[in-house]
Amino acid sequence: MLFAAAVLAAGGRLVAVLPSADARERMVAPHYAAEFDRLRAAASEVRTLPCRRASAHAYGAAGRLLLCRADLLVAVCSGRPGRPGGTADTVAAARAAGLPVPSGPGPGRR
């Protein structure tokens, strides 16, 4: 959410890709709900995938849609394998497709 807020503060355009209609209820912690709602309302486009429930499958589909629309992927990821459909899978798919993925110092590598 920090990156999305920074994009908007810099005058950029935000496109929200939601993995399912119930993603907010199932995956957003209550203390982040207001910020989630604010960013969703600020998005110039909101795409909600037709998946019935938020799941690894739904998140994988959202990642694939995101990559089809991206020129560059900026991700915050430990670099270790995570859950199927998660950030690590999306980063690996972006790299395999030749999409630029800048790499930073990572945890503990300053």
PDB file of N, CA and C in Angstrom:
ATOM      1  N   MET A   1       0.809  -1.178   0.000  1.00  0.00           N
ATOM      2  CA  MET A   1       0.000   0.000   0.000  1.00  0.00           C
ATOM      3  C   MET A   1       0.864   1.258   0.000  1.00  0.00           C
ATOM      4  N   LEU A   2       2.050   1.160   0.578  1.00  0.00           N
ATOM      5  CA  LEU A   2       2.946   2.322   0.597  1.00  0.00           C
ATOM      6  C   LEU A   2       3.339   2.741  -0.812  1.00  0.00           C
ATOM      7  N   PHE A   3       3.635   1.771  -1.666  1.00  0.00           N
ATOM      8  CA  PHE A   3       4.042   2.101  -3.027  1.00  0.00           C
ATOM      9  C   PHE A   3       2.889   2.732  -3.792  1.00  0.00           C
ATOM     10  N   ALA A   4       1.692   2.197  -3.632  1.00  0.00           N
ATOM     11  CA  ALA A   4       0.521   2.770  -4.315  1.00  0.00           C
ATOM     12  C   ALA A   4       0.291   4.206  -3.866  1.00  0.00           C
ATOM     13  N   ALA A   5       0.430   4.464  -2.577  1.00  0.00           N
ATOM     14  CA  ALA A   5       0.262   5.827  -2.068  1.00  0.00           C
ATOM     15  C   ALA A   5       1.331   6.754  -2.636  1.00  0.00           C
ATOM     16  N   ALA A   6       2.566   6.253  -2.767  1.00  0.00           N
ATOM     17  CA  ALA A   6       3.647   7.070  -3.329  1.00  0.00           C
ATOM     18  C   ALA A   6       3.398   7.368  -4.808  1.00  0.00           C
ATOM     19  N   VAL A   7       2.882   6.415  -5.543  1.00  0.00           N
ATOM     20  CA  VAL A   7       2.555   6.632  -6.962  1.00  0.00           C
ATOM     21  C   VAL A   7       1.523   7.747  -7.089  1.00  0.00           C
ATOM     22  N   LEU A   8       0.477   7.686  -6.280  1.00  0.00           N
ATOM     23  CA  LEU A   8      -0.554   8.723  -6.330  1.00  0.00           C
ATOM     24  C   LEU A   8       0.002  10.081  -5.911  1.00  0.00           C
ATOM     25  N   ALA A   9       0.836  10.110  -4.877  1.00  0.00           N
ATOM     26  CA  ALA A   9       1.418  11.374  -4.405  1.00  0.00           C
ATOM     27  C   ALA A   9       2.301  12.006  -5.470  1.00  0.00           C
ATOM     28  N   ALA A  10       2.910  11.183  -6.324  1.00  0.00           N
ATOM     29  CA  ALA A  10       3.770  11.687  -7.393  1.00  0.00           C
ATOM     30  C   ALA A  10       2.978  12.046  -8.649  1.00  0.00           C
ATOM     31  N   GLY A  11       1.648  11.906  -8.585  1.00  0.00           N
ATOM     32  CA  GLY A  11       0.813  12.247  -9.730  1.00  0.00           C
ATOM     33  C   GLY A  11       0.601  11.106 -10.690  1.00  0.00           C
ATOM     34  N   GLY A  12       0.981   9.904 -10.295  1.00  0.00           N
ATOM     35  CA  GLY A  12       0.821   8.740 -11.155  1.00  0.00           C
ATOM     36  C   GLY A  12      -0.599   8.205 -11.138  1.00  0.00           C
ATOM     37  N   ARG A  13      -0.824   7.232 -11.974  1.00  0.00           N
ATOM     38  CA  ARG A  13      -2.132   6.603 -12.130  1.00  0.00           C
ATOM     39  C   ARG A  13      -2.086   5.225 -11.491  1.00  0.00           C
ATOM     40  N   LEU A  14      -3.105   4.896 -10.739  1.00  0.00           N
ATOM     41  CA  LEU A  14      -3.171   3.614 -10.048  1.00  0.00           C
ATOM     42  C   LEU A  14      -4.254   2.750 -10.671  1.00  0.00           C
ATOM     43  N   VAL A  15      -3.878   1.532 -11.020  1.00  0.00           N
ATOM     44  CA  VAL A  15      -4.835   0.533 -11.489  1.00  0.00           C
ATOM     45  C   VAL A  15      -4.847  -0.569 -10.433  1.00  0.00           C
ATOM     46  N   ALA A  16      -6.006  -0.825  -9.849  1.00  0.00           N
ATOM     47  CA  ALA A  16      -6.128  -1.855  -8.820  1.00  0.00           C
ATOM     48  C   ALA A  16      -6.589  -3.154  -9.463  1.00  0.00           C
ATOM     49  N   VAL A  17      -5.852  -4.225  -9.218  1.00  0.00           N
ATOM     50  CA  VAL A  17      -6.223  -5.553  -9.699  1.00  0.00           C
ATOM     51  C   VAL A  17      -6.543  -6.393  -8.468  1.00  0.00           C
ATOM     52  N   LEU A  18      -7.817  -6.730  -8.322  1.00  0.00           N
ATOM     53  CA  LEU A  18      -8.266  -7.510  -7.169  1.00  0.00           C
ATOM     54  C   LEU A  18      -8.495  -8.954  -7.595  1.00  0.00           C
ATOM     55  N   PRO A  19      -7.983  -9.906  -6.835  1.00  0.00           N
ATOM     56  CA  PRO A  19      -8.084 -11.306  -7.243  1.00  0.00           C
ATOM     57  C   PRO A  19      -9.492 -11.888  -7.168  1.00  0.00           C
ATOM     58  N   SER A  20     -10.358 -11.281  -6.358  1.00  0.00           N
ATOM     59  CA  SER A  20     -11.725 -11.793  -6.204  1.00  0.00           C
ATOM     60  C   SER A  20     -12.589 -10.718  -5.556  1.00  0.00           C
ATOM     61  N   ALA A  21     -13.879 -10.906  -5.647  1.00  0.00           N
ATOM     62  CA  ALA A  21     -14.801  -9.938  -5.047  1.00  0.00           C
ATOM     63  C   ALA A  21     -14.680  -9.903  -3.527  1.00  0.00           C
ATOM     64  N   ASP A  22     -14.257 -10.997  -2.914  1.00  0.00           N
ATOM     65  CA  ASP A  22     -14.160 -11.048  -1.458  1.00  0.00           C
ATOM     66  C   ASP A  22     -12.737 -10.797  -0.936  1.00  0.00           C
ATOM     67  N   ALA A  23     -11.866 -10.311  -1.794  1.00  0.00           N
ATOM     68  CA  ALA A  23     -10.466 -10.119  -1.388  1.00  0.00           C
ATOM     69  C   ALA A  23     -10.331  -9.194  -0.185  1.00  0.00           C
ATOM     70  N   ARG A  24     -11.079  -8.109  -0.164  1.00  0.00           N
ATOM     71  CA  ARG A  24     -10.970  -7.174   0.965  1.00  0.00           C
ATOM     72  C   ARG A  24     -11.352  -7.863   2.269  1.00  0.00           C
ATOM     73  N   GLU A  25     -12.477  -8.548   2.265  1.00  0.00           N
ATOM     74  CA  GLU A  25     -12.961  -9.188   3.479  1.00  0.00           C
ATOM     75  C   GLU A  25     -12.046 -10.327   3.937  1.00  0.00           C
ATOM     76  N   ARG A  26     -11.496 -11.079   2.991  1.00  0.00           N
ATOM     77  CA  ARG A  26     -10.718 -12.265   3.354  1.00  0.00           C
ATOM     78  C   ARG A  26      -9.234 -11.983   3.550  1.00  0.00           C
ATOM     79  N   MET A  27      -8.693 -10.954   2.893  1.00  0.00           N
ATOM     80  CA  MET A  27      -7.242 -10.817   2.889  1.00  0.00           C
ATOM     81  C   MET A  27      -6.700  -9.504   3.461  1.00  0.00           C
ATOM     82  N   VAL A  28      -7.554  -8.523   3.703  1.00  0.00           N
ATOM     83  CA  VAL A  28      -7.085  -7.229   4.218  1.00  0.00           C
ATOM     84  C   VAL A  28      -7.335  -7.189   5.726  1.00  0.00           C
ATOM     85  N   ALA A  29      -6.257  -7.022   6.475  1.00  0.00           N
ATOM     86  CA  ALA A  29      -6.381  -6.941   7.938  1.00  0.00           C
ATOM     87  C   ALA A  29      -7.234  -5.726   8.309  1.00  0.00           C
ATOM     88  N   PRO A  30      -8.031  -5.827   9.356  1.00  0.00           N
ATOM     89  CA  PRO A  30      -8.926  -4.724   9.731  1.00  0.00           C
ATOM     90  C   PRO A  30      -8.218  -3.372   9.876  1.00  0.00           C
ATOM     91  N   HIS A  31      -7.014  -3.355  10.399  1.00  0.00           N
ATOM     92  CA  HIS A  31      -6.334  -2.070  10.584  1.00  0.00           C
ATOM     93  C   HIS A  31      -5.821  -1.476   9.271  1.00  0.00           C
ATOM     94  N   TYR A  32      -5.876  -2.226   8.159  1.00  0.00           N
ATOM     95  CA  TYR A  32      -5.509  -1.698   6.843  1.00  0.00           C
ATOM     96  C   TYR A  32      -6.730  -1.402   5.976  1.00  0.00           C
ATOM     97  N   ALA A  33      -7.918  -1.725   6.448  1.00  0.00           N
ATOM     98  CA  ALA A  33      -9.126  -1.616   5.625  1.00  0.00           C
ATOM     99  C   ALA A  33      -9.388  -0.199   5.128  1.00  0.00           C
ATOM    100  N   ALA A  34      -9.234   0.805   5.984  1.00  0.00           N
ATOM    101  CA  ALA A  34      -9.497   2.190   5.563  1.00  0.00           C
ATOM    102  C   ALA A  34      -8.519   2.623   4.476  1.00  0.00           C
ATOM    103  N   GLU A  35      -7.255   2.263   4.605  1.00  0.00           N
ATOM    104  CA  GLU A  35      -6.256   2.623   3.585  1.00  0.00           C
ATOM    105  C   GLU A  35      -6.535   1.873   2.285  1.00  0.00           C
ATOM    106  N   PHE A  36      -6.908   0.618   2.374  1.00  0.00           N
ATOM    107  CA  PHE A  36      -7.285  -0.164   1.196  1.00  0.00           C
ATOM    108  C   PHE A  36      -8.437   0.522   0.475  1.00  0.00           C
ATOM    109  N   ASP A  37      -9.471   0.919   1.224  1.00  0.00           N
ATOM    110  CA  ASP A  37     -10.635   1.576   0.633  1.00  0.00           C
ATOM    111  C   ASP A  37     -10.254   2.906  -0.013  1.00  0.00           C
ATOM    112  N   ARG A  38      -9.375   3.670   0.638  1.00  0.00           N
ATOM    113  CA  ARG A  38      -8.944   4.959   0.092  1.00  0.00           C
ATOM    114  C   ARG A  38      -8.195   4.769  -1.229  1.00  0.00           C
ATOM    115  N   LEU A  39      -7.285   3.796  -1.272  1.00  0.00           N
ATOM    116  CA  LEU A  39      -6.524   3.555  -2.500  1.00  0.00           C
ATOM    117  C   LEU A  39      -7.415   3.002  -3.609  1.00  0.00           C
ATOM    118  N   ARG A  40      -8.334   2.128  -3.256  1.00  0.00           N
ATOM    119  CA  ARG A  40      -9.260   1.593  -4.259  1.00  0.00           C
ATOM    120  C   ARG A  40     -10.099   2.717  -4.862  1.00  0.00           C
ATOM    121  N   ALA A  41     -10.560   3.631  -4.031  1.00  0.00           N
ATOM    122  CA  ALA A  41     -11.359   4.760  -4.517  1.00  0.00           C
ATOM    123  C   ALA A  41     -10.522   5.709  -5.379  1.00  0.00           C
ATOM    124  N   ALA A  42      -9.229   5.807  -5.095  1.00  0.00           N
ATOM    125  CA  ALA A  42      -8.344   6.704  -5.847  1.00  0.00           C
ATOM    126  C   ALA A  42      -7.876   6.101  -7.165  1.00  0.00           C
ATOM    127  N   ALA A  43      -8.054   4.797  -7.333  1.00  0.00           N
ATOM    128  CA  ALA A  43      -7.602   4.132  -8.556  1.00  0.00           C
ATOM    129  C   ALA A  43      -8.406   4.621  -9.762  1.00  0.00           C
ATOM    130  N   SER A  44      -7.703   4.817 -10.869  1.00  0.00           N
ATOM    131  CA  SER A  44      -8.390   5.241 -12.093  1.00  0.00           C
ATOM    132  C   SER A  44      -9.121   4.064 -12.738  1.00  0.00           C
ATOM    133  N   GLU A  45      -8.735   2.856 -12.357  1.00  0.00           N
ATOM    134  CA  GLU A  45      -9.380   1.649 -12.871  1.00  0.00           C
ATOM    135  C   GLU A  45      -9.286   0.576 -11.794  1.00  0.00           C
ATOM    136  N   VAL A  46     -10.363  -0.165 -11.591  1.00  0.00           N
ATOM    137  CA  VAL A  46     -10.370  -1.293 -10.666  1.00  0.00           C
ATOM    138  C   VAL A  46     -10.806  -2.524 -11.446  1.00  0.00           C
ATOM    139  N   ARG A  47      -9.939  -3.517 -11.508  1.00  0.00           N
ATOM    140  CA  ARG A  47     -10.263  -4.784 -12.170  1.00  0.00           C
ATOM    141  C   ARG A  47     -10.429  -5.846 -11.101  1.00  0.00           C
ATOM    142  N   THR A  48     -11.595  -6.434 -11.015  1.00  0.00           N
ATOM    143  CA  THR A  48     -11.843  -7.525 -10.083  1.00  0.00           C
ATOM    144  C   THR A  48     -12.012  -8.792 -10.907  1.00  0.00           C
ATOM    145  N   LEU A  49     -11.161  -9.768 -10.651  1.00  0.00           N
ATOM    146  CA  LEU A  49     -11.220 -11.019 -11.402  1.00  0.00           C
ATOM    147  C   LEU A  49     -12.471 -11.800 -11.023  1.00  0.00           C
ATOM    148  N   PRO A  50     -12.946 -12.670 -11.900  1.00  0.00           N
ATOM    149  CA  PRO A  50     -14.193 -13.393 -11.641  1.00  0.00           C
ATOM    150  C   PRO A  50     -14.039 -14.577 -10.690  1.00  0.00           C
ATOM    151  N   CYS A  51     -12.922 -14.704 -10.020  1.00  0.00           N
ATOM    152  CA  CYS A  51     -12.743 -15.802  -9.065  1.00  0.00           C
ATOM    153  C   CYS A  51     -13.730 -15.638  -7.908  1.00  0.00           C
ATOM    154  N   ARG A  52     -14.317 -16.744  -7.478  1.00  0.00           N
ATOM    155  CA  ARG A  52     -15.322 -16.685  -6.410  1.00  0.00           C
ATOM    156  C   ARG A  52     -14.724 -16.294  -5.073  1.00  0.00           C
ATOM    157  N   ARG A  53     -13.530 -16.808  -4.786  1.00  0.00           N
ATOM    158  CA  ARG A  53     -12.909 -16.553  -3.482  1.00  0.00           C
ATOM    159  C   ARG A  53     -11.444 -16.216  -3.650  1.00  0.00           C
ATOM    160  N   ALA A  54     -10.927 -15.401  -2.744  1.00  0.00           N
ATOM    161  CA  ALA A  54      -9.497 -15.112  -2.711  1.00  0.00           C
ATOM    162  C   ALA A  54      -8.773 -16.412  -2.382  1.00  0.00           C
ATOM    163  N   SER A  55      -7.786 -16.758  -3.200  1.00  0.00           N
ATOM    164  CA  SER A  55      -7.050 -18.015  -3.026  1.00  0.00           C
ATOM    165  C   SER A  55      -5.733 -17.881  -3.768  1.00  0.00           C
ATOM    166  N   ALA A  56      -4.870 -18.873  -3.629  1.00  0.00           N
ATOM    167  CA  ALA A  56      -3.610 -18.877  -4.363  1.00  0.00           C
ATOM    168  C   ALA A  56      -3.877 -18.801  -5.867  1.00  0.00           C
ATOM    169  N   HIS A  57      -4.885 -19.541  -6.330  1.00  0.00           N
ATOM    170  CA  HIS A  57      -5.253 -19.504  -7.753  1.00  0.00           C
ATOM    171  C   HIS A  57      -5.657 -18.095  -8.179  1.00  0.00           C
ATOM    172  N   ALA A  58      -6.483 -17.443  -7.365  1.00  0.00           N
ATOM    173  CA  ALA A  58      -6.955 -16.091  -7.689  1.00  0.00           C
ATOM    174  C   ALA A  58      -5.795 -15.098  -7.690  1.00  0.00           C
ATOM    175  N   TYR A  59      -4.906 -15.202  -6.709  1.00  0.00           N
ATOM    176  CA  TYR A  59      -3.758 -14.295  -6.662  1.00  0.00           C
ATOM    177  C   TYR A  59      -2.812 -14.545  -7.832  1.00  0.00           C
ATOM    178  N   GLY A  60      -2.639 -15.800  -8.221  1.00  0.00           N
ATOM    179  CA  GLY A  60      -1.821 -16.104  -9.399  1.00  0.00           C
ATOM    180  C   GLY A  60      -2.404 -15.490 -10.661  1.00  0.00           C
ATOM    181  N   ALA A  61      -3.722 -15.579 -10.807  1.00  0.00           N
ATOM    182  CA  ALA A  61      -4.399 -14.984 -11.964  1.00  0.00           C
ATOM    183  C   ALA A  61      -4.248 -13.467 -11.960  1.00  0.00           C
ATOM    184  N   ALA A  62      -4.354 -12.857 -10.778  1.00  0.00           N
ATOM    185  CA  ALA A  62      -4.182 -11.404 -10.675  1.00  0.00           C
ATOM    186  C   ALA A  62      -2.751 -11.010 -11.042  1.00  0.00           C
ATOM    187  N   GLY A  63      -1.785 -11.781 -10.599  1.00  0.00           N
ATOM    188  CA  GLY A  63      -0.387 -11.510 -10.952  1.00  0.00           C
ATOM    189  C   GLY A  63      -0.157 -11.602 -12.450  1.00  0.00           C
ATOM    190  N   ARG A  64      -0.753 -12.602 -13.092  1.00  0.00           N
ATOM    191  CA  ARG A  64      -0.598 -12.746 -14.545  1.00  0.00           C
ATOM    192  C   ARG A  64      -1.228 -11.570 -15.280  1.00  0.00           C
ATOM    193  N   LEU A  65      -2.396 -11.123 -14.837  1.00  0.00           N
ATOM    194  CA  LEU A  65      -3.034  -9.958 -15.458  1.00  0.00           C
ATOM    195  C   LEU A  65      -2.160  -8.726 -15.273  1.00  0.00           C
ATOM    196  N   LEU A  66      -1.656  -8.556 -14.075  1.00  0.00           N
ATOM    197  CA  LEU A  66      -0.779  -7.421 -13.796  1.00  0.00           C
ATOM    198  C   LEU A  66       0.435  -7.433 -14.743  1.00  0.00           C
ATOM    199  N   LEU A  67       1.048  -8.589 -14.922  1.00  0.00           N
ATOM    200  CA  LEU A  67       2.232  -8.675 -15.775  1.00  0.00           C
ATOM    201  C   LEU A  67       1.911  -8.407 -17.243  1.00  0.00           C
ATOM    202  N   CYS A  68       0.719  -8.762 -17.677  1.00  0.00           N
ATOM    203  CA  CYS A  68       0.319  -8.489 -19.068  1.00  0.00           C
ATOM    204  C   CYS A  68       0.208  -6.992 -19.334  1.00  0.00           C
ATOM    205  N   ARG A  69      -0.031  -6.218 -18.289  1.00  0.00           N
ATOM    206  CA  ARG A  69      -0.233  -4.776 -18.441  1.00  0.00           C
ATOM    207  C   ARG A  69       0.994  -3.957 -18.081  1.00  0.00           C
ATOM    208  N   ALA A  70       2.019  -4.578 -17.531  1.00  0.00           N
ATOM    209  CA  ALA A  70       3.155  -3.843 -16.984  1.00  0.00           C
ATOM    210  C   ALA A  70       4.298  -3.672 -17.980  1.00  0.00           C
ATOM    211  N   ASP A  71       5.001  -2.562 -17.826  1.00  0.00           N
ATOM    212  CA  ASP A  71       6.250  -2.326 -18.551  1.00  0.00           C
ATOM    213  C   ASP A  71       7.442  -2.612 -17.650  1.00  0.00           C
ATOM    214  N   LEU A  72       7.190  -2.631 -16.347  1.00  0.00           N
ATOM    215  CA  LEU A  72       8.222  -2.784 -15.333  1.00  0.00           C
ATOM    216  C   LEU A  72       7.535  -3.305 -14.076  1.00  0.00           C
ATOM    217  N   LEU A  73       8.185  -4.225 -13.364  1.00  0.00           N
ATOM    218  CA  LEU A  73       7.625  -4.711 -12.107  1.00  0.00           C
ATOM    219  C   LEU A  73       8.518  -4.257 -10.964  1.00  0.00           C
ATOM    220  N   VAL A  74       7.934  -3.512 -10.036  1.00  0.00           N
ATOM    221  CA  VAL A  74       8.619  -3.135  -8.803  1.00  0.00           C
ATOM    222  C   VAL A  74       7.931  -3.925  -7.701  1.00  0.00           C
ATOM    223  N   ALA A  75       8.681  -4.797  -7.052  1.00  0.00           N
ATOM    224  CA  ALA A  75       8.097  -5.671  -6.033  1.00  0.00           C
ATOM    225  C   ALA A  75       8.945  -5.649  -4.772  1.00  0.00           C
ATOM    226  N   VAL A  76       8.294  -5.788  -3.656  1.00  0.00           N
ATOM    227  CA  VAL A  76       8.985  -5.951  -2.387  1.00  0.00           C
ATOM    228  C   VAL A  76       8.860  -7.426  -2.039  1.00  0.00           C
ATOM    229  N   CYS A  77       9.993  -8.110  -2.075  1.00  0.00           N
ATOM    230  CA  CYS A  77       9.984  -9.560  -1.931  1.00  0.00           C
ATOM    231  C   CYS A  77      11.295  -9.994  -1.292  1.00  0.00           C
ATOM    232  N   SER A  78      11.239 -10.974  -0.435  1.00  0.00           N
ATOM    233  CA  SER A  78      12.455 -11.470   0.222  1.00  0.00           C
ATOM    234  C   SER A  78      13.350 -12.232  -0.747  1.00  0.00           C
ATOM    235  N   GLY A  79      12.781 -12.676  -1.864  1.00  0.00           N
ATOM    236  CA  GLY A  79      13.548 -13.488  -2.812  1.00  0.00           C
ATOM    237  C   GLY A  79      13.436 -14.971  -2.520  1.00  0.00           C
ATOM    238  N   ARG A  80      12.844 -15.320  -1.400  1.00  0.00           N
ATOM    239  CA  ARG A  80      12.638 -16.723  -1.055  1.00  0.00           C
ATOM    240  C   ARG A  80      11.277 -17.163  -1.567  1.00  0.00           C
ATOM    241  N   PRO A  81      11.152 -18.436  -1.873  1.00  0.00           N
ATOM    242  CA  PRO A  81       9.841 -18.924  -2.312  1.00  0.00           C
ATOM    243  C   PRO A  81       8.792 -18.659  -1.246  1.00  0.00           C
ATOM    244  N   GLY A  82       7.624 -18.282  -1.703  1.00  0.00           N
ATOM    245  CA  GLY A  82       6.517 -18.022  -0.783  1.00  0.00           C
ATOM    246  C   GLY A  82       5.359 -18.926  -1.107  1.00  0.00           C
ATOM    247  N   ARG A  83       4.187 -18.417  -0.856  1.00  0.00           N
ATOM    248  CA  ARG A  83       2.983 -19.179  -1.170  1.00  0.00           C
ATOM    249  C   ARG A  83       2.749 -19.190  -2.673  1.00  0.00           C
ATOM    250  N   PRO A  84       2.172 -20.268  -3.200  1.00  0.00           N
ATOM    251  CA  PRO A  84       1.835 -20.287  -4.626  1.00  0.00           C
ATOM    252  C   PRO A  84       0.938 -19.095  -4.979  1.00  0.00           C
ATOM    253  N   GLY A  85       1.238 -18.447  -6.085  1.00  0.00           N
ATOM    254  CA  GLY A  85       0.472 -17.288  -6.518  1.00  0.00           C
ATOM    255  C   GLY A  85       0.910 -15.996  -5.865  1.00  0.00           C
ATOM    256  N   GLY A  86       1.919 -16.065  -4.998  1.00  0.00           N
ATOM    257  CA  GLY A  86       2.366 -14.894  -4.262  1.00  0.00           C
ATOM    258  C   GLY A  86       3.381 -14.051  -5.016  1.00  0.00           C
ATOM    259  N   THR A  87       3.980 -13.129  -4.307  1.00  0.00           N
ATOM    260  CA  THR A  87       4.912 -12.168  -4.901  1.00  0.00           C
ATOM    261  C   THR A  87       6.100 -12.855  -5.559  1.00  0.00           C
ATOM    262  N   ALA A  88       6.685 -13.849  -4.899  1.00  0.00           N
ATOM    263  CA  ALA A  88       7.850 -14.529  -5.470  1.00  0.00           C
ATOM    264  C   ALA A  88       7.508 -15.172  -6.812  1.00  0.00           C
ATOM    265  N   ASP A  89       6.325 -15.781  -6.911  1.00  0.00           N
ATOM    266  CA  ASP A  89       5.897 -16.379  -8.184  1.00  0.00           C
ATOM    267  C   ASP A  89       5.727 -15.305  -9.262  1.00  0.00           C
ATOM    268  N   THR A  90       5.161 -14.167  -8.898  1.00  0.00           N
ATOM    269  CA  THR A  90       4.959 -13.085  -9.859  1.00  0.00           C
ATOM    270  C   THR A  90       6.298 -12.521 -10.322  1.00  0.00           C
ATOM    271  N   VAL A  91       7.238 -12.350  -9.406  1.00  0.00           N
ATOM    272  CA  VAL A  91       8.577 -11.869  -9.778  1.00  0.00           C
ATOM    273  C   VAL A  91       9.256 -12.866 -10.712  1.00  0.00           C
ATOM    274  N   ALA A  92       9.175 -14.144 -10.404  1.00  0.00           N
ATOM    275  CA  ALA A  92       9.787 -15.165 -11.265  1.00  0.00           C
ATOM    276  C   ALA A  92       9.156 -15.170 -12.654  1.00  0.00           C
ATOM    277  N   ALA A  93       7.840 -15.034 -12.724  1.00  0.00           N
ATOM    278  CA  ALA A  93       7.148 -14.999 -14.022  1.00  0.00           C
ATOM    279  C   ALA A  93       7.548 -13.765 -14.819  1.00  0.00           C
ATOM    280  N   ALA A  94       7.693 -12.633 -14.145  1.00  0.00           N
ATOM    281  CA  ALA A  94       8.113 -11.400 -14.828  1.00  0.00           C
ATOM    282  C   ALA A  94       9.500 -11.573 -15.414  1.00  0.00           C
ATOM    283  N   ARG A  95      10.411 -12.098 -14.625  1.00  0.00           N
ATOM    284  CA  ARG A  95      11.786 -12.311 -15.115  1.00  0.00           C
ATOM    285  C   ARG A  95      11.805 -13.295 -16.281  1.00  0.00           C
ATOM    286  N   ALA A  96      11.018 -14.370 -16.177  1.00  0.00           N
ATOM    287  CA  ALA A  96      10.965 -15.365 -17.254  1.00  0.00           C
ATOM    288  C   ALA A  96      10.418 -14.761 -18.539  1.00  0.00           C
ATOM    289  N   ALA A  97       9.524 -13.773 -18.413  1.00  0.00           N
ATOM    290  CA  ALA A  97       8.939 -13.119 -19.583  1.00  0.00           C
ATOM    291  C   ALA A  97       9.811 -11.982 -20.104  1.00  0.00           C
ATOM    292  N   GLY A  98      10.922 -11.710 -19.417  1.00  0.00           N
ATOM    293  CA  GLY A  98      11.810 -10.632 -19.855  1.00  0.00           C
ATOM    294  C   GLY A  98      11.366  -9.255 -19.408  1.00  0.00           C
ATOM    295  N   LEU A  99      10.433  -9.181 -18.473  1.00  0.00           N
ATOM    296  CA  LEU A  99       9.974  -7.900 -17.956  1.00  0.00           C
ATOM    297  C   LEU A  99      11.016  -7.381 -16.960  1.00  0.00           C
ATOM    298  N   PRO A 100      11.422  -6.130 -17.071  1.00  0.00           N
ATOM    299  CA  PRO A 100      12.406  -5.599 -16.122  1.00  0.00           C
ATOM    300  C   PRO A 100      11.893  -5.649 -14.691  1.00  0.00           C
ATOM    301  N   VAL A 101      12.743  -6.159 -13.797  1.00  0.00           N
ATOM    302  CA  VAL A 101      12.449  -6.232 -12.356  1.00  0.00           C
ATOM    303  C   VAL A 101      13.689  -5.698 -11.651  1.00  0.00           C
ATOM    304  N   PRO A 102      13.688  -4.423 -11.264  1.00  0.00           N
ATOM    305  CA  PRO A 102      14.858  -3.894 -10.571  1.00  0.00           C
ATOM    306  C   PRO A 102      15.081  -4.647  -9.269  1.00  0.00           C
ATOM    307  N   SER A 103      16.340  -4.850  -8.923  1.00  0.00           N
ATOM    308  CA  SER A 103      16.621  -5.516  -7.652  1.00  0.00           C
ATOM    309  C   SER A 103      17.354  -4.547  -6.745  1.00  0.00           C
ATOM    310  N   GLY A 104      16.973  -4.573  -5.492  1.00  0.00           N
ATOM    311  CA  GLY A 104      17.578  -3.715  -4.489  1.00  0.00           C
ATOM    312  C   GLY A 104      18.459  -4.527  -3.584  1.00  0.00           C
ATOM    313  N   PRO A 105      18.825  -3.932  -2.459  1.00  0.00           N
ATOM    314  CA  PRO A 105      19.747  -4.603  -1.557  1.00  0.00           C
ATOM    315  C   PRO A 105      19.153  -5.831  -0.879  1.00  0.00           C
ATOM    316  N   GLY A 106      17.849  -5.878  -0.712  1.00  0.00           N
ATOM    317  CA  GLY A 106      17.229  -7.025  -0.055  1.00  0.00           C
ATOM    318  C   GLY A 106      17.455  -6.993   1.443  1.00  0.00           C
ATOM    319  N   PRO A 107      16.823  -7.919   2.138  1.00  0.00           N
ATOM    320  CA  PRO A 107      16.948  -7.953   3.596  1.00  0.00           C
ATOM    321  C   PRO A 107      18.380  -8.224   4.018  1.00  0.00           C
ATOM    322  N   GLY A 108      18.889  -7.380   4.876  1.00  0.00           N
ATOM    323  CA  GLY A 108      20.227  -7.595   5.424  1.00  0.00           C
ATOM    324  C   GLY A 108      21.368  -7.339   4.462  1.00  0.00           C
ATOM    325  N   ARG A 109      21.098  -6.856   3.264  1.00  0.00           N
ATOM    326  CA  ARG A 109      22.177  -6.603   2.287  1.00  0.00           C
ATOM    327  C   ARG A 109      22.211  -5.142   1.913  1.00  0.00           C
ATOM    328  N   ARG A 110      22.676  -4.318   2.779  1.00  0.00           N
ATOM    329  CA  ARG A 110      22.698  -2.864   2.530  1.00  0.00           C
ATOM    330  C   ARG A 110      23.970  -2.443   1.874  1.00  0.00           C
TER     331      ARG A 110
END
